[in-house]
Amino acid sequence: MTYESLAKFAQTWGLVYFFVIFAGALVYALWPSNKRSFDDASHIPLRED
């Protein structure tokens, strides 16, 4: 296996890997049951203790 073929493999499957991670994070962030926890977290800086 040459460096060029290894680099092409890493570039191709690395892109797929990062796309899957990004899609998973996006689904997690937009999942309807997570809305309340994200809304609560967004108000933390405005709370007075």
Protein backbone atom coordinates (compact mmCIF):
# COMPACT_ATOMS: atom_id res chain seq x y z
CA MET A 1 0.00 0.00 0.00
CA THR A 2 1.51 3.29 -1.07
CA TYR A 3 1.21 6.60 0.69
CA GLU A 4 -1.05 7.98 -2.04
CA SER A 5 -3.55 5.13 -1.77
CA LEU A 6 -3.53 5.35 2.03
CA ALA A 7 -4.04 9.11 1.89
CA LYS A 8 -6.94 8.74 -0.57
CA PHE A 9 -8.54 6.09 1.64
CA ALA A 10 -8.18 8.30 4.73
CA GLN A 11 -9.60 11.33 2.93
CA THR A 12 -12.60 9.45 1.58
CA TRP A 13 -13.56 7.51 4.69
CA GLY A 14 -12.56 10.36 6.98
CA LEU A 15 -15.13 12.53 5.22
CA VAL A 16 -17.77 9.83 5.66
CA TYR A 17 -16.82 9.43 9.33
CA PHE A 18 -17.08 13.16 10.08
CA PHE A 19 -20.35 13.43 8.16
CA VAL A 20 -21.85 10.62 10.28
CA ILE A 21 -20.65 12.31 13.49
CA PHE A 22 -22.08 15.66 12.33
CA ALA A 23 -25.42 14.08 11.38
CA GLY A 24 -25.60 12.36 14.79
CA ALA A 25 -24.92 15.62 16.62
CA LEU A 26 -27.51 17.42 14.51
CA VAL A 27 -30.16 14.77 15.19
CA TYR A 28 -29.36 14.90 18.91
CA ALA A 29 -29.63 18.69 18.99
CA LEU A 30 -32.91 18.80 17.08
CA TRP A 31 -34.61 15.82 18.74
CA PRO A 32 -37.94 17.05 20.18
CA SER A 33 -37.50 15.43 23.61
CA ASN A 34 -34.24 17.37 24.17
CA LYS A 35 -35.91 20.76 23.73
CA ARG A 36 -36.70 21.28 27.41
CA SER A 37 -33.17 20.54 28.60
CA PHE A 38 -31.69 22.90 25.99
CA ASP A 39 -34.19 25.61 26.89
CA ASP A 40 -33.27 25.23 30.57
CA ALA A 41 -29.57 25.40 29.75
CA SER A 42 -30.06 28.54 27.65
CA HIS A 43 -31.46 30.41 30.66
CA ILE A 44 -28.61 29.56 33.05
CA PRO A 45 -26.66 32.82 32.39
CA LEU A 46 -29.76 34.90 33.13
CA ARG A 47 -30.55 33.35 36.51
CA GLU A 48 -29.82 35.23 39.67
CA ASP A 49 -28.69 32.98 42.48
